[in-house]
Amino acid sequence: DRNNHPCFNVHAKGKCGRAHLPVAPACNIKCNY
């Protein structure tokens, strides 16, 4: 259910969780911050 994404839907943030998978170590830009 697309509504179960807590970052895109504030009403889901208290019941739906996320798991970030850190698989992308490289970056193709350099931001000044």
All heavy atoms as atom14 arrays in JSON, in Angstrom:
{
  "sequence": "DRNNHPCFNVHAKGKCGRAHLPVAPACNIKCNY",
  "atom14_mask": [
    [1, 1, 1, 1, 1, 1, 1, 1, 0, 0, 0, 0, 0, 0],
    [1, 1, 1, 1, 1, 1, 1, 1, 1, 1, 1, 0, 0, 0],
    [1, 1, 1, 1, 1, 1, 1, 1, 0, 0, 0, 0, 0, 0],
    [1, 1, 1, 1, 1, 1, 1, 1, 0, 0, 0, 0, 0, 0],
    [1, 1, 1, 1, 1, 1, 1, 1, 1, 1, 0, 0, 0, 0],
    [1, 1, 1, 1, 1, 1, 1, 0, 0, 0, 0, 0, 0, 0],
    [1, 1, 1, 1, 1, 1, 0, 0, 0, 0, 0, 0, 0, 0],
    [1, 1, 1, 1, 1, 1, 1, 1, 1, 1, 1, 0, 0, 0],
    [1, 1, 1, 1, 1, 1, 1, 1, 0, 0, 0, 0, 0, 0],
    [1, 1, 1, 1, 1, 1, 1, 0, 0, 0, 0, 0, 0, 0],
    [1, 1, 1, 1, 1, 1, 1, 1, 1, 1, 0, 0, 0, 0],
    [1, 1, 1, 1, 1, 0, 0, 0, 0, 0, 0, 0, 0, 0],
    [1, 1, 1, 1, 1, 1, 1, 1, 1, 0, 0, 0, 0, 0],
    [1, 1, 1, 1, 0, 0, 0, 0, 0, 0, 0, 0, 0, 0],
    [1, 1, 1, 1, 1, 1, 1, 1, 1, 0, 0, 0, 0, 0],
    [1, 1, 1, 1, 1, 1, 0, 0, 0, 0, 0, 0, 0, 0],
    [1, 1, 1, 1, 0, 0, 0, 0, 0, 0, 0, 0, 0, 0],
    [1, 1, 1, 1, 1, 1, 1, 1, 1, 1, 1, 0, 0, 0],
    [1, 1, 1, 1, 1, 0, 0, 0, 0, 0, 0, 0, 0, 0],
    [1, 1, 1, 1, 1, 1, 1, 1, 1, 1, 0, 0, 0, 0],
    [1, 1, 1, 1, 1, 1, 1, 1, 0, 0, 0, 0, 0, 0],
    [1, 1, 1, 1, 1, 1, 1, 0, 0, 0, 0, 0, 0, 0],
    [1, 1, 1, 1, 1, 1, 1, 0, 0, 0, 0, 0, 0, 0],
    [1, 1, 1, 1, 1, 0, 0, 0, 0, 0, 0, 0, 0, 0],
    [1, 1, 1, 1, 1, 1, 1, 0, 0, 0, 0, 0, 0, 0],
    [1, 1, 1, 1, 1, 0, 0, 0, 0, 0, 0, 0, 0, 0],
    [1, 1, 1, 1, 1, 1, 0, 0, 0, 0, 0, 0, 0, 0],
    [1, 1, 1, 1, 1, 1, 1, 1, 0, 0, 0, 0, 0, 0],
    [1, 1, 1, 1, 1, 1, 1, 1, 0, 0, 0, 0, 0, 0],
    [1, 1, 1, 1, 1, 1, 1, 1, 1, 0, 0, 0, 0, 0],
    [1, 1, 1, 1, 1, 1, 0, 0, 0, 0, 0, 0, 0, 0],
    [1, 1, 1, 1, 1, 1, 1, 1, 0, 0, 0, 0, 0, 0],
    [1, 1, 1, 1, 1, 1, 1, 1, 1, 1, 1, 1, 0, 0]
  ],
  "atom14_positions": [
    [[0.86, -1.18, 0.0], [0.0, 0.0, 0.0], [0.9, 1.23, 0.0], [1.67, 1.45, 0.94], [-0.9, -0.02, 1.24], [-1.89, 1.15, 1.28], [-1.7, 2.12, 0.52], [-2.83, 1.09, 2.08], [0.0, 0.0, 0.0], [0.0, 0.0, 0.0], [0.0, 0.0, 0.0], [0.0, 0.0, 0.0], [0.0, 0.0, 0.0], [0.0, 0.0, 0.0]],
    [[0.81, 2.04, -1.05], [1.68, 3.21, -1.15], [1.53, 4.17, 0.02], [2.44, 4.95, 0.31], [1.4, 3.95, -2.46], [1.91, 3.23, -3.7], [1.82, 4.13, -4.91], [2.43, 3.53, -6.09], [2.75, 4.19, -7.19], [2.51, 5.5, -7.27], [3.3, 3.58, -8.22], [0.0, 0.0, 0.0], [0.0, 0.0, 0.0], [0.0, 0.0, 0.0]],
    [[0.43, 4.12, 0.7], [0.22, 5.01, 1.84], [1.02, 4.6, 3.06], [1.09, 5.33, 4.05], [-1.28, 5.05, 2.21], [-2.1, 5.72, 1.13], [-1.7, 6.72, 0.55], [-3.27, 5.16, 0.84], [0.0, 0.0, 0.0], [0.0, 0.0, 0.0], [0.0, 0.0, 0.0], [0.0, 0.0, 0.0], [0.0, 0.0, 0.0], [0.0, 0.0, 0.0]],
    [[1.65, 3.41, 2.99], [2.4, 2.91, 4.14], [3.86, 3.35, 4.14], [4.71, 2.69, 4.74], [2.34, 1.38, 4.18], [0.98, 0.88, 4.62], [0.24, 1.57, 5.3], [0.64, -0.34, 4.2], [0.0, 0.0, 0.0], [0.0, 0.0, 0.0], [0.0, 0.0, 0.0], [0.0, 0.0, 0.0], [0.0, 0.0, 0.0], [0.0, 0.0, 0.0]],
    [[4.15, 4.45, 3.48], [5.51, 5.0, 3.52], [5.54, 6.17, 4.51], [4.91, 7.21, 4.28], [5.94, 5.49, 2.14], [7.42, 5.69, 2.03], [8.14, 6.48, 2.91], [8.33, 5.19, 1.15], [9.43, 6.47, 2.57], [9.57, 5.69, 1.51], [0.0, 0.0, 0.0], [0.0, 0.0, 0.0], [0.0, 0.0, 0.0], [0.0, 0.0, 0.0]],
    [[6.25, 6.02, 5.63], [6.18, 7.03, 6.7], [6.77, 8.39, 6.33], [6.4, 9.4, 6.95], [6.98, 6.39, 7.84], [7.93, 5.44, 7.15], [7.16, 4.91, 5.97], [0.0, 0.0, 0.0], [0.0, 0.0, 0.0], [0.0, 0.0, 0.0], [0.0, 0.0, 0.0], [0.0, 0.0, 0.0], [0.0, 0.0, 0.0], [0.0, 0.0, 0.0]],
    [[7.66, 8.45, 5.34], [8.25, 9.74, 4.97], [7.32, 10.52, 4.04], [7.3, 11.75, 4.05], [9.6, 9.53, 4.29], [10.8, 8.66, 5.33], [0.0, 0.0, 0.0], [0.0, 0.0, 0.0], [0.0, 0.0, 0.0], [0.0, 0.0, 0.0], [0.0, 0.0, 0.0], [0.0, 0.0, 0.0], [0.0, 0.0, 0.0], [0.0, 0.0, 0.0]],
    [[6.56, 9.8, 3.24], [5.67, 10.45, 2.28], [4.27, 10.68, 2.86], [3.49, 11.44, 2.31], [5.56, 9.6, 1.02], [6.8, 9.62, 0.15], [7.96, 8.98, 0.56], [6.81, 10.27, -1.07], [9.1, 8.98, -0.23], [7.95, 10.29, -1.87], [9.1, 9.64, -1.45], [0.0, 0.0, 0.0], [0.0, 0.0, 0.0], [0.0, 0.0, 0.0]],
    [[3.96, 9.99, 3.95], [2.63, 10.09, 4.56], [2.77, 10.23, 6.06], [3.11, 9.27, 6.76], [1.8, 8.84, 4.21], [0.42, 8.88, 4.81], [-0.04, 9.9, 5.31], [-0.27, 7.73, 4.77], [0.0, 0.0, 0.0], [0.0, 0.0, 0.0], [0.0, 0.0, 0.0], [0.0, 0.0, 0.0], [0.0, 0.0, 0.0], [0.0, 0.0, 0.0]],
    [[2.51, 11.43, 6.57], [2.7, 11.7, 7.99], [1.81, 10.81, 8.85], [2.18, 10.48, 9.99], [2.42, 13.2, 8.29], [0.96, 13.55, 8.04], [2.83, 13.55, 9.71], [0.0, 0.0, 0.0], [0.0, 0.0, 0.0], [0.0, 0.0, 0.0], [0.0, 0.0, 0.0], [0.0, 0.0, 0.0], [0.0, 0.0, 0.0], [0.0, 0.0, 0.0]],
    [[0.68, 10.36, 8.33], [-0.23, 9.53, 9.12], [0.3, 8.11, 9.3], [-0.21, 7.36, 10.13], [-1.61, 9.5, 8.44], [-2.24, 10.86, 8.28], [-2.62, 11.63, 9.35], [-2.5, 11.59, 7.15], [-3.12, 12.79, 8.91], [-3.06, 12.78, 7.58], [0.0, 0.0, 0.0], [0.0, 0.0, 0.0], [0.0, 0.0, 0.0], [0.0, 0.0, 0.0]],
    [[1.33, 7.74, 8.54], [1.89, 6.4, 8.65], [3.12, 6.34, 9.56], [3.6, 5.26, 9.89], [2.27, 5.87, 7.26], [0.0, 0.0, 0.0], [0.0, 0.0, 0.0], [0.0, 0.0, 0.0], [0.0, 0.0, 0.0], [0.0, 0.0, 0.0], [0.0, 0.0, 0.0], [0.0, 0.0, 0.0], [0.0, 0.0, 0.0], [0.0, 0.0, 0.0]],
    [[3.63, 7.51, 9.97], [4.92, 7.52, 10.65], [4.92, 6.85, 12.02], [5.97, 6.42, 12.49], [5.44, 8.96, 10.78], [4.78, 9.82, 11.83], [5.35, 11.23, 11.8], [4.79, 12.09, 12.93], [5.42, 11.76, 14.22], [0.0, 0.0, 0.0], [0.0, 0.0, 0.0], [0.0, 0.0, 0.0], [0.0, 0.0, 0.0], [0.0, 0.0, 0.0]],
    [[3.77, 6.72, 12.64], [3.73, 6.09, 13.95], [3.48, 4.6, 13.92], [3.58, 3.93, 14.96], [0.0, 0.0, 0.0], [0.0, 0.0, 0.0], [0.0, 0.0, 0.0], [0.0, 0.0, 0.0], [0.0, 0.0, 0.0], [0.0, 0.0, 0.0], [0.0, 0.0, 0.0], [0.0, 0.0, 0.0], [0.0, 0.0, 0.0], [0.0, 0.0, 0.0]],
    [[3.18, 4.06, 12.74], [2.87, 2.63, 12.65], [3.66, 1.88, 11.58], [3.74, 0.65, 11.6], [1.38, 2.42, 12.4], [0.87, 3.07, 11.11], [-0.62, 2.85, 10.93], [-1.11, 3.49, 9.62], [-2.56, 3.28, 9.43], [0.0, 0.0, 0.0], [0.0, 0.0, 0.0], [0.0, 0.0, 0.0], [0.0, 0.0, 0.0], [0.0, 0.0, 0.0]],
    [[4.24, 2.62, 10.64], [5.0, 2.0, 9.56], [6.46, 2.42, 9.64], [6.76, 3.62, 9.78], [4.43, 2.4, 8.19], [2.72, 1.86, 7.92], [0.0, 0.0, 0.0], [0.0, 0.0, 0.0], [0.0, 0.0, 0.0], [0.0, 0.0, 0.0], [0.0, 0.0, 0.0], [0.0, 0.0, 0.0], [0.0, 0.0, 0.0], [0.0, 0.0, 0.0]],
    [[7.35, 1.46, 9.56], [8.77, 1.76, 9.67], [9.51, 1.6, 8.37], [8.99, 1.07, 7.38], [0.0, 0.0, 0.0], [0.0, 0.0, 0.0], [0.0, 0.0, 0.0], [0.0, 0.0, 0.0], [0.0, 0.0, 0.0], [0.0, 0.0, 0.0], [0.0, 0.0, 0.0], [0.0, 0.0, 0.0], [0.0, 0.0, 0.0], [0.0, 0.0, 0.0]],
    [[10.78, 2.04, 8.38], [11.63, 1.94, 7.19], [12.96, 1.32, 7.59], [13.41, 1.43, 8.72], [11.84, 3.29, 6.5], [12.91, 4.21, 7.12], [12.53, 4.68, 8.49], [13.41, 5.73, 9.0], [13.95, 5.7, 10.21], [13.78, 4.66, 11.0], [14.69, 6.72, 10.63], [0.0, 0.0, 0.0], [0.0, 0.0, 0.0], [0.0, 0.0, 0.0]],
    [[13.58, 0.66, 6.61], [14.93, 0.12, 6.81], [15.79, 0.61, 5.66], [15.54, 0.27, 4.5], [14.9, -1.4, 6.83], [0.0, 0.0, 0.0], [0.0, 0.0, 0.0], [0.0, 0.0, 0.0], [0.0, 0.0, 0.0], [0.0, 0.0, 0.0], [0.0, 0.0, 0.0], [0.0, 0.0, 0.0], [0.0, 0.0, 0.0], [0.0, 0.0, 0.0]],
    [[16.76, 1.45, 5.97], [17.68, 1.94, 4.95], [18.81, 0.92, 4.76], [19.4, 0.45, 5.73], [18.27, 3.29, 5.36], [17.3, 4.42, 5.22], [17.61, 5.72, 5.6], [16.04, 4.47, 4.72], [16.58, 6.5, 5.35], [15.61, 5.76, 4.82], [0.0, 0.0, 0.0], [0.0, 0.0, 0.0], [0.0, 0.0, 0.0], [0.0, 0.0, 0.0]],
    [[19.11, 0.63, 3.51], [20.15, -0.32, 3.17], [21.35, 0.44, 2.61], [21.31, 0.93, 1.48], [19.62, -1.32, 2.13], [18.32, -2.03, 2.51], [17.81, -2.88, 1.36], [18.51, -2.88, 3.77], [0.0, 0.0, 0.0], [0.0, 0.0, 0.0], [0.0, 0.0, 0.0], [0.0, 0.0, 0.0], [0.0, 0.0, 0.0], [0.0, 0.0, 0.0]],
    [[22.43, 0.58, 3.38], [23.56, 1.4, 2.95], [24.46, 0.67, 1.96], [25.53, 0.17, 2.3], [24.3, 1.69, 4.27], [24.0, 0.49, 5.12], [22.61, 0.07, 4.76], [0.0, 0.0, 0.0], [0.0, 0.0, 0.0], [0.0, 0.0, 0.0], [0.0, 0.0, 0.0], [0.0, 0.0, 0.0], [0.0, 0.0, 0.0], [0.0, 0.0, 0.0]],
    [[24.03, 0.61, 0.72], [24.76, -0.12, -0.31], [25.44, 0.8, -1.33], [26.07, 0.32, -2.27], [23.82, -1.08, -1.07], [23.23, -2.11, -0.14], [22.72, -0.32, -1.8], [0.0, 0.0, 0.0], [0.0, 0.0, 0.0], [0.0, 0.0, 0.0], [0.0, 0.0, 0.0], [0.0, 0.0, 0.0], [0.0, 0.0, 0.0], [0.0, 0.0, 0.0]],
    [[25.3, 2.12, -1.14], [25.79, 3.07, -2.15], [26.85, 3.99, -1.56], [26.56, 5.14, -1.19], [24.62, 3.9, -2.7], [0.0, 0.0, 0.0], [0.0, 0.0, 0.0], [0.0, 0.0, 0.0], [0.0, 0.0, 0.0], [0.0, 0.0, 0.0], [0.0, 0.0, 0.0], [0.0, 0.0, 0.0], [0.0, 0.0, 0.0], [0.0, 0.0, 0.0]],
    [[28.1, 3.53, -1.44], [29.12, 4.35, -0.79], [29.67, 5.49, -1.64], [30.14, 6.49, -1.1], [30.23, 3.33, -0.49], [30.07, 2.28, -1.55], [28.59, 2.18, -1.79], [0.0, 0.0, 0.0], [0.0, 0.0, 0.0], [0.0, 0.0, 0.0], [0.0, 0.0, 0.0], [0.0, 0.0, 0.0], [0.0, 0.0, 0.0], [0.0, 0.0, 0.0]],
    [[29.63, 5.37, -2.95], [30.24, 6.38, -3.82], [29.28, 7.55, -4.08], [28.07, 7.41, -3.96], [30.64, 5.75, -5.15], [0.0, 0.0, 0.0], [0.0, 0.0, 0.0], [0.0, 0.0, 0.0], [0.0, 0.0, 0.0], [0.0, 0.0, 0.0], [0.0, 0.0, 0.0], [0.0, 0.0, 0.0], [0.0, 0.0, 0.0], [0.0, 0.0, 0.0]],
    [[29.86, 8.68, -4.44], [29.02, 9.82, -4.82], [29.62, 10.5, -6.05], [30.84, 10.54, -6.21], [28.88, 10.83, -3.68], [27.45, 11.94, -3.93], [0.0, 0.0, 0.0], [0.0, 0.0, 0.0], [0.0, 0.0, 0.0], [0.0, 0.0, 0.0], [0.0, 0.0, 0.0], [0.0, 0.0, 0.0], [0.0, 0.0, 0.0], [0.0, 0.0, 0.0]],
    [[28.75, 11.03, -6.9], [29.19, 11.65, -8.15], [29.13, 13.17, -8.11], [29.33, 13.82, -9.14], [28.37, 11.11, -9.33], [26.88, 11.09, -9.03], [26.42, 11.64, -8.04], [26.12, 10.43, -9.89], [0.0, 0.0, 0.0], [0.0, 0.0, 0.0], [0.0, 0.0, 0.0], [0.0, 0.0, 0.0], [0.0, 0.0, 0.0], [0.0, 0.0, 0.0]],
    [[28.85, 13.73, -6.94], [28.89, 15.18, -6.79], [29.51, 15.51, -5.43], [29.6, 14.66, -4.54], [27.48, 15.83, -6.89], [26.64, 15.53, -5.64], [26.75, 15.35, -8.14], [25.32, 16.28, -5.61], [0.0, 0.0, 0.0], [0.0, 0.0, 0.0], [0.0, 0.0, 0.0], [0.0, 0.0, 0.0], [0.0, 0.0, 0.0], [0.0, 0.0, 0.0]],
    [[29.93, 16.77, -5.29], [30.43, 17.25, -4.0], [29.69, 18.52, -3.65], [29.84, 19.55, -4.3], [31.94, 17.54, -4.06], [32.51, 18.04, -2.72], [32.44, 16.92, -1.67], [33.11, 17.34, -0.37], [32.31, 18.34, 0.39], [0.0, 0.0, 0.0], [0.0, 0.0, 0.0], [0.0, 0.0, 0.0], [0.0, 0.0, 0.0], [0.0, 0.0, 0.0]],
    [[28.83, 18.4, -2.63], [28.08, 19.56, -2.15], [28.88, 20.27, -1.06], [29.57, 19.63, -0.27], [26.72, 19.14, -1.61], [25.67, 18.32, -2.81], [0.0, 0.0, 0.0], [0.0, 0.0, 0.0], [0.0, 0.0, 0.0], [0.0, 0.0, 0.0], [0.0, 0.0, 0.0], [0.0, 0.0, 0.0], [0.0, 0.0, 0.0], [0.0, 0.0, 0.0]],
    [[28.75, 21.56, -1.0], [29.55, 22.34, -0.05], [29.12, 22.18, 1.4], [29.8, 22.68, 2.3], [29.51, 23.82, -0.44], [30.37, 24.11, -1.65], [31.4, 23.47, -1.86], [29.95, 25.06, -2.47], [0.0, 0.0, 0.0], [0.0, 0.0, 0.0], [0.0, 0.0, 0.0], [0.0, 0.0, 0.0], [0.0, 0.0, 0.0], [0.0, 0.0, 0.0]],
    [[28.02, 21.47, 1.63], [27.57, 21.24, 3.01], [27.81, 19.8, 3.46], [27.51, 19.44, 4.59], [26.08, 21.57, 3.17], [25.18, 20.9, 2.15], [24.88, 19.54, 2.22], [24.63, 21.63, 1.11], [24.08, 18.93, 1.28], [23.81, 21.05, 0.16], [23.54, 19.68, 0.26], [22.73, 19.08, -0.68], [0.0, 0.0, 0.0], [0.0, 0.0, 0.0]]
  ]
}
